[in-house]
């Protein structure tokens, strides 16, 4: 959805990417993926999904109040 949104706003496929941290992925591997994507010569829009935060957001059954709590 990230790429589709930005492409609908005029960005090209080579200018948009996202990197998602794996559940048991070592921090160093995740950071290397982020750096590699960010250093791509045409990169303009990079989404970075941090696993722990992503799981917290999707697991918040009481909405944003529960997440903030």
PDB file of N, CA and C in Angstrom:
ATOM      1  N   UNK A   1       0.823  -1.201   0.000  1.00  0.00           N
ATOM      2  CA  UNK A   1       0.000   0.000   0.000  1.00  0.00           C
ATOM      3  C   UNK A   1       0.868   1.267   0.000  1.00  0.00           C
ATOM      4  N   UNK A   2       2.018   1.188   0.672  1.00  0.00           N
ATOM      5  CA  UNK A   2       2.942   2.326   0.730  1.00  0.00           C
ATOM      6  C   UNK A   2       3.354   2.748  -0.682  1.00  0.00           C
ATOM      7  N   UNK A   3       3.822   1.773  -1.454  1.00  0.00           N
ATOM      8  CA  UNK A   3       4.285   2.067  -2.816  1.00  0.00           C
ATOM      9  C   UNK A   3       3.147   2.542  -3.706  1.00  0.00           C
ATOM     10  N   UNK A   4       2.011   1.900  -3.621  1.00  0.00           N
ATOM     11  CA  UNK A   4       0.854   2.274  -4.441  1.00  0.00           C
ATOM     12  C   UNK A   4       0.441   3.719  -4.153  1.00  0.00           C
ATOM     13  N   UNK A   5       0.415   4.084  -2.867  1.00  0.00           N
ATOM     14  CA  UNK A   5       0.043   5.453  -2.503  1.00  0.00           C
ATOM     15  C   UNK A   5       0.980   6.461  -3.156  1.00  0.00           C
ATOM     16  N   UNK A   6       2.301   6.264  -2.994  1.00  0.00           N
ATOM     17  CA  UNK A   6       3.251   7.246  -3.513  1.00  0.00           C
ATOM     18  C   UNK A   6       3.316   7.242  -5.026  1.00  0.00           C
ATOM     19  N   UNK A   7       3.116   6.081  -5.642  1.00  0.00           N
ATOM     20  CA  UNK A   7       3.076   6.047  -7.100  1.00  0.00           C
ATOM     21  C   UNK A   7       1.862   6.803  -7.625  1.00  0.00           C
ATOM     22  N   UNK A   8       0.760   6.756  -6.872  1.00  0.00           N
ATOM     23  CA  UNK A   8      -0.426   7.516  -7.279  1.00  0.00           C
ATOM     24  C   UNK A   8      -0.209   9.023  -7.144  1.00  0.00           C
ATOM     25  N   UNK A   9       0.821   9.407  -6.381  1.00  0.00           N
ATOM     26  CA  UNK A   9       1.164  10.824  -6.205  1.00  0.00           C
ATOM     27  C   UNK A   9       2.266  11.264  -7.162  1.00  0.00           C
ATOM     28  N   UNK A  10       2.704  10.353  -8.055  1.00  0.00           N
ATOM     29  CA  UNK A  10       3.664  10.728  -9.078  1.00  0.00           C
ATOM     30  C   UNK A  10       5.065  10.153  -8.926  1.00  0.00           C
ATOM     31  N   UNK A  11       5.338   9.451  -7.839  1.00  0.00           N
ATOM     32  CA  UNK A  11       6.660   8.842  -7.672  1.00  0.00           C
ATOM     33  C   UNK A  11       6.764   7.600  -8.554  1.00  0.00           C
ATOM     34  N   UNK A  12       7.978   7.264  -8.958  1.00  0.00           N
ATOM     35  CA  UNK A  12       8.185   6.055  -9.749  1.00  0.00           C
ATOM     36  C   UNK A  12       8.553   4.891  -8.828  1.00  0.00           C
ATOM     37  N   UNK A  13       8.430   3.669  -9.352  1.00  0.00           N
ATOM     38  CA  UNK A  13       8.733   2.482  -8.555  1.00  0.00           C
ATOM     39  C   UNK A  13      10.152   2.500  -7.988  1.00  0.00           C
ATOM     40  N   UNK A  14      11.097   3.017  -8.751  1.00  0.00           N
ATOM     41  CA  UNK A  14      12.488   3.032  -8.288  1.00  0.00           C
ATOM     42  C   UNK A  14      12.753   4.099  -7.228  1.00  0.00           C
ATOM     43  N   UNK A  15      11.790   4.991  -7.000  1.00  0.00           N
ATOM     44  CA  UNK A  15      11.952   6.053  -6.005  1.00  0.00           C
ATOM     45  C   UNK A  15      11.305   5.715  -4.672  1.00  0.00           C
ATOM     46  N   UNK A  16      10.575   4.605  -4.619  1.00  0.00           N
ATOM     47  CA  UNK A  16       9.792   4.257  -3.432  1.00  0.00           C
ATOM     48  C   UNK A  16      10.155   2.849  -2.974  1.00  0.00           C
ATOM     49  N   UNK A  17      10.327   2.703  -1.659  1.00  0.00           N
ATOM     50  CA  UNK A  17      10.569   1.372  -1.108  1.00  0.00           C
ATOM     51  C   UNK A  17      10.220   1.396   0.369  1.00  0.00           C
ATOM     52  N   UNK A  18      10.175   0.222   0.970  1.00  0.00           N
ATOM     53  CA  UNK A  18      10.040   0.136   2.413  1.00  0.00           C
ATOM     54  C   UNK A  18      10.834  -1.059   2.901  1.00  0.00           C
ATOM     55  N   UNK A  19      11.250  -0.965   4.159  1.00  0.00           N
ATOM     56  CA  UNK A  19      12.012  -2.032   4.784  1.00  0.00           C
ATOM     57  C   UNK A  19      11.295  -2.382   6.075  1.00  0.00           C
ATOM     58  N   UNK A  20      11.023  -3.672   6.247  1.00  0.00           N
ATOM     59  CA  UNK A  20      10.320  -4.133   7.444  1.00  0.00           C
ATOM     60  C   UNK A  20      11.242  -5.041   8.235  1.00  0.00           C
ATOM     61  N   UNK A  21      11.350  -4.768   9.516  1.00  0.00           N
ATOM     62  CA  UNK A  21      12.187  -5.580  10.392  1.00  0.00           C
ATOM     63  C   UNK A  21      11.524  -6.925  10.650  1.00  0.00           C
ATOM     64  N   UNK A  22      12.289  -7.985  10.505  1.00  0.00           N
ATOM     65  CA  UNK A  22      11.784  -9.316  10.793  1.00  0.00           C
ATOM     66  C   UNK A  22      11.682  -9.554  12.292  1.00  0.00           C
ATOM     67  N   UNK A  23      10.837 -10.486  12.684  1.00  0.00           N
ATOM     68  CA  UNK A  23      10.573 -10.729  14.113  1.00  0.00           C
ATOM     69  C   UNK A  23      11.846 -11.055  14.895  1.00  0.00           C
ATOM     70  N   UNK A  24      12.668 -11.914  14.383  1.00  0.00           N
ATOM     71  CA  UNK A  24      13.892 -12.312  15.085  1.00  0.00           C
ATOM     72  C   UNK A  24      15.147 -11.825  14.369  1.00  0.00           C
ATOM     73  N   UNK A  25      15.010 -10.810  13.554  1.00  0.00           N
ATOM     74  CA  UNK A  25      16.130 -10.297  12.771  1.00  0.00           C
ATOM     75  C   UNK A  25      17.093  -9.514  13.659  1.00  0.00           C
ATOM     76  N   UNK A  26      18.374  -9.812  13.575  1.00  0.00           N
ATOM     77  CA  UNK A  26      19.355  -9.028  14.344  1.00  0.00           C
ATOM     78  C   UNK A  26      19.328  -7.555  13.925  1.00  0.00           C
ATOM     79  N   UNK A  27      19.530  -6.675  14.889  1.00  0.00           N
ATOM     80  CA  UNK A  27      19.518  -5.237  14.618  1.00  0.00           C
ATOM     81  C   UNK A  27      20.501  -4.864  13.517  1.00  0.00           C
ATOM     82  N   UNK A  28      21.683  -5.475  13.532  1.00  0.00           N
ATOM     83  CA  UNK A  28      22.702  -5.130  12.541  1.00  0.00           C
ATOM     84  C   UNK A  28      22.249  -5.477  11.124  1.00  0.00           C
ATOM     85  N   UNK A  29      21.539  -6.599  10.964  1.00  0.00           N
ATOM     86  CA  UNK A  29      21.027  -6.976   9.640  1.00  0.00           C
ATOM     87  C   UNK A  29      19.949  -6.000   9.179  1.00  0.00           C
ATOM     88  N   UNK A  30      19.068  -5.630  10.103  1.00  0.00           N
ATOM     89  CA  UNK A  30      17.997  -4.690   9.780  1.00  0.00           C
ATOM     90  C   UNK A  30      18.588  -3.342   9.393  1.00  0.00           C
ATOM     91  N   UNK A  31      19.542  -2.861  10.169  1.00  0.00           N
ATOM     92  CA  UNK A  31      20.171  -1.573   9.877  1.00  0.00           C
ATOM     93  C   UNK A  31      20.851  -1.596   8.516  1.00  0.00           C
ATOM     94  N   UNK A  32      21.501  -2.686   8.178  1.00  0.00           N
ATOM     95  CA  UNK A  32      22.152  -2.804   6.880  1.00  0.00           C
ATOM     96  C   UNK A  32      21.128  -2.718   5.749  1.00  0.00           C
ATOM     97  N   UNK A  33      19.962  -3.345   5.929  1.00  0.00           N
ATOM     98  CA  UNK A  33      18.901  -3.261   4.915  1.00  0.00           C
ATOM     99  C   UNK A  33      18.414  -1.825   4.748  1.00  0.00           C
ATOM    100  N   UNK A  34      18.246  -1.128   5.873  1.00  0.00           N
ATOM    101  CA  UNK A  34      17.793   0.267   5.824  1.00  0.00           C
ATOM    102  C   UNK A  34      18.816   1.127   5.088  1.00  0.00           C
ATOM    103  N   UNK A  35      20.075   0.978   5.434  1.00  0.00           N
ATOM    104  CA  UNK A  35      21.133   1.774   4.804  1.00  0.00           C
ATOM    105  C   UNK A  35      21.209   1.483   3.309  1.00  0.00           C
ATOM    106  N   UNK A  36      21.149   0.218   2.943  1.00  0.00           N
ATOM    107  CA  UNK A  36      21.213  -0.156   1.525  1.00  0.00           C
ATOM    108  C   UNK A  36      20.064   0.479   0.747  1.00  0.00           C
ATOM    109  N   UNK A  37      18.858   0.402   1.292  1.00  0.00           N
ATOM    110  CA  UNK A  37      17.704   0.993   0.612  1.00  0.00           C
ATOM    111  C   UNK A  37      17.834   2.518   0.537  1.00  0.00           C
ATOM    112  N   UNK A  38      18.264   3.141   1.637  1.00  0.00           N
ATOM    113  CA  UNK A  38      18.372   4.605   1.681  1.00  0.00           C
ATOM    114  C   UNK A  38      19.436   5.136   0.728  1.00  0.00           C
ATOM    115  N   UNK A  39      20.478   4.355   0.484  1.00  0.00           N
ATOM    116  CA  UNK A  39      21.566   4.810  -0.373  1.00  0.00           C
ATOM    117  C   UNK A  39      21.319   4.554  -1.857  1.00  0.00           C
ATOM    118  N   UNK A  40      20.199   3.936  -2.192  1.00  0.00           N
ATOM    119  CA  UNK A  40      19.889   3.713  -3.607  1.00  0.00           C
ATOM    120  C   UNK A  40      19.845   5.073  -4.302  1.00  0.00           C
ATOM    121  N   UNK A  41      20.492   5.201  -5.443  1.00  0.00           N
ATOM    122  CA  UNK A  41      20.622   6.508  -6.105  1.00  0.00           C
ATOM    123  C   UNK A  41      19.298   7.222  -6.402  1.00  0.00           C
ATOM    124  N   UNK A  42      18.230   6.495  -6.619  1.00  0.00           N
ATOM    125  CA  UNK A  42      16.965   7.149  -6.976  1.00  0.00           C
ATOM    126  C   UNK A  42      15.985   7.226  -5.808  1.00  0.00           C
ATOM    127  N   UNK A  43      16.381   6.760  -4.629  1.00  0.00           N
ATOM    128  CA  UNK A  43      15.468   6.704  -3.477  1.00  0.00           C
ATOM    129  C   UNK A  43      15.002   8.096  -3.070  1.00  0.00           C
ATOM    130  N   UNK A  44      13.684   8.228  -2.990  1.00  0.00           N
ATOM    131  CA  UNK A  44      13.079   9.479  -2.513  1.00  0.00           C
ATOM    132  C   UNK A  44      12.193   9.243  -1.302  1.00  0.00           C
ATOM    133  N   UNK A  45      11.515   8.082  -1.251  1.00  0.00           N
ATOM    134  CA  UNK A  45      10.516   7.819  -0.219  1.00  0.00           C
ATOM    135  C   UNK A  45      10.750   6.427   0.364  1.00  0.00           C
ATOM    136  N   UNK A  46      11.271   6.387   1.584  1.00  0.00           N
ATOM    137  CA  UNK A  46      11.589   5.118   2.229  1.00  0.00           C
ATOM    138  C   UNK A  46      10.795   4.987   3.518  1.00  0.00           C
ATOM    139  N   UNK A  47       9.971   3.963   3.596  1.00  0.00           N
ATOM    140  CA  UNK A  47       9.253   3.651   4.818  1.00  0.00           C
ATOM    141  C   UNK A  47      10.050   2.610   5.589  1.00  0.00           C
ATOM    142  N   UNK A  48      10.194   2.821   6.891  1.00  0.00           N
ATOM    143  CA  UNK A  48      10.933   1.885   7.737  1.00  0.00           C
ATOM    144  C   UNK A  48       9.988   1.397   8.826  1.00  0.00           C
ATOM    145  N   UNK A  49       9.739   0.089   8.836  1.00  0.00           N
ATOM    146  CA  UNK A  49       8.801  -0.503   9.786  1.00  0.00           C
ATOM    147  C   UNK A  49       9.607  -1.223  10.857  1.00  0.00           C
ATOM    148  N   UNK A  50       9.537  -0.712  12.073  1.00  0.00           N
ATOM    149  CA  UNK A  50      10.252  -1.290  13.205  1.00  0.00           C
ATOM    150  C   UNK A  50       9.333  -2.332  13.839  1.00  0.00           C
ATOM    151  N   UNK A  51       9.809  -3.572  13.860  1.00  0.00           N
ATOM    152  CA  UNK A  51       8.989  -4.715  14.255  1.00  0.00           C
ATOM    153  C   UNK A  51       8.275  -4.572  15.579  1.00  0.00           C
ATOM    154  N   UNK A  52       8.964  -4.193  16.630  1.00  0.00           N
ATOM    155  CA  UNK A  52       8.352  -4.102  17.958  1.00  0.00           C
ATOM    156  C   UNK A  52       7.211  -3.080  17.974  1.00  0.00           C
ATOM    157  N   UNK A  53       7.432  -1.946  17.362  1.00  0.00           N
ATOM    158  CA  UNK A  53       6.390  -0.908  17.316  1.00  0.00           C
ATOM    159  C   UNK A  53       5.215  -1.378  16.463  1.00  0.00           C
ATOM    160  N   UNK A  54       5.512  -2.017  15.333  1.00  0.00           N
ATOM    161  CA  UNK A  54       4.458  -2.531  14.462  1.00  0.00           C
ATOM    162  C   UNK A  54       3.583  -3.546  15.202  1.00  0.00           C
ATOM    163  N   UNK A  55       4.209  -4.454  15.948  1.00  0.00           N
ATOM    164  CA  UNK A  55       3.443  -5.458  16.700  1.00  0.00           C
ATOM    165  C   UNK A  55       2.616  -4.798  17.795  1.00  0.00           C
ATOM    166  N   UNK A  56       3.161  -3.762  18.439  1.00  0.00           N
ATOM    167  CA  UNK A  56       2.412  -3.056  19.483  1.00  0.00           C
ATOM    168  C   UNK A  56       1.175  -2.391  18.897  1.00  0.00           C
ATOM    169  N   UNK A  57       1.329  -1.741  17.752  1.00  0.00           N
ATOM    170  CA  UNK A  57       0.204  -1.047  17.121  1.00  0.00           C
ATOM    171  C   UNK A  57      -0.884  -2.039  16.720  1.00  0.00           C
ATOM    172  N   UNK A  58      -0.475  -3.140  16.085  1.00  0.00           N
ATOM    173  CA  UNK A  58      -1.462  -4.119  15.641  1.00  0.00           C
ATOM    174  C   UNK A  58      -2.066  -4.901  16.792  1.00  0.00           C
ATOM    175  N   UNK A  59      -1.386  -4.934  17.941  1.00  0.00           N
ATOM    176  CA  UNK A  59      -1.899  -5.672  19.087  1.00  0.00           C
ATOM    177  C   UNK A  59      -2.689  -4.827  20.073  1.00  0.00           C
ATOM    178  N   UNK A  60      -2.793  -3.522  19.837  1.00  0.00           N
ATOM    179  CA  UNK A  60      -3.496  -2.634  20.760  1.00  0.00           C
ATOM    180  C   UNK A  60      -5.004  -2.807  20.586  1.00  0.00           C
ATOM    181  N   UNK A  61      -5.608  -3.568  21.474  1.00  0.00           N
ATOM    182  CA  UNK A  61      -7.041  -3.848  21.355  1.00  0.00           C
ATOM    183  C   UNK A  61      -7.903  -2.703  21.893  1.00  0.00           C
ATOM    184  N   UNK A  62      -7.309  -1.790  22.629  1.00  0.00           N
ATOM    185  CA  UNK A  62      -8.084  -0.674  23.169  1.00  0.00           C
ATOM    186  C   UNK A  62      -7.840   0.619  22.393  1.00  0.00           C
ATOM    187  N   UNK A  63      -7.366   0.488  21.162  1.00  0.00           N
ATOM    188  CA  UNK A  63      -7.148   1.662  20.325  1.00  0.00           C
ATOM    189  C   UNK A  63      -5.909   2.432  20.721  1.00  0.00           C
ATOM    190  N   UNK A  64      -5.842   3.686  20.305  1.00  0.00           N
ATOM    191  CA  UNK A  64      -4.631   4.480  20.547  1.00  0.00           C
ATOM    192  C   UNK A  64      -4.418   4.749  22.045  1.00  0.00           C
ATOM    193  N   UNK A  65      -5.488   4.811  22.828  1.00  0.00           N
ATOM    194  CA  UNK A  65      -5.336   5.025  24.267  1.00  0.00           C
ATOM    195  C   UNK A  65      -4.561   3.874  24.893  1.00  0.00           C
ATOM    196  N   UNK A  66      -4.876   2.648  24.493  1.00  0.00           N
ATOM    197  CA  UNK A  66      -4.158   1.484  24.999  1.00  0.00           C
ATOM    198  C   UNK A  66      -2.714   1.467  24.548  1.00  0.00           C
ATOM    199  N   UNK A  67      -2.466   1.863  23.314  1.00  0.00           N
ATOM    200  CA  UNK A  67      -1.113   1.912  22.786  1.00  0.00           C
ATOM    201  C   UNK A  67      -0.287   2.925  23.561  1.00  0.00           C
ATOM    202  N   UNK A  68      -0.838   4.106  23.804  1.00  0.00           N
ATOM    203  CA  UNK A  68      -0.109   5.146  24.530  1.00  0.00           C
ATOM    204  C   UNK A  68       0.111   4.748  25.977  1.00  0.00           C
ATOM    205  N   UNK A  69      -0.834   4.009  26.527  1.00  0.00           N
ATOM    206  CA  UNK A  69      -0.710   3.544  27.918  1.00  0.00           C
ATOM    207  C   UNK A  69       0.408   2.571  28.060  1.00  0.00           C
TER     208      UNK A  69
END
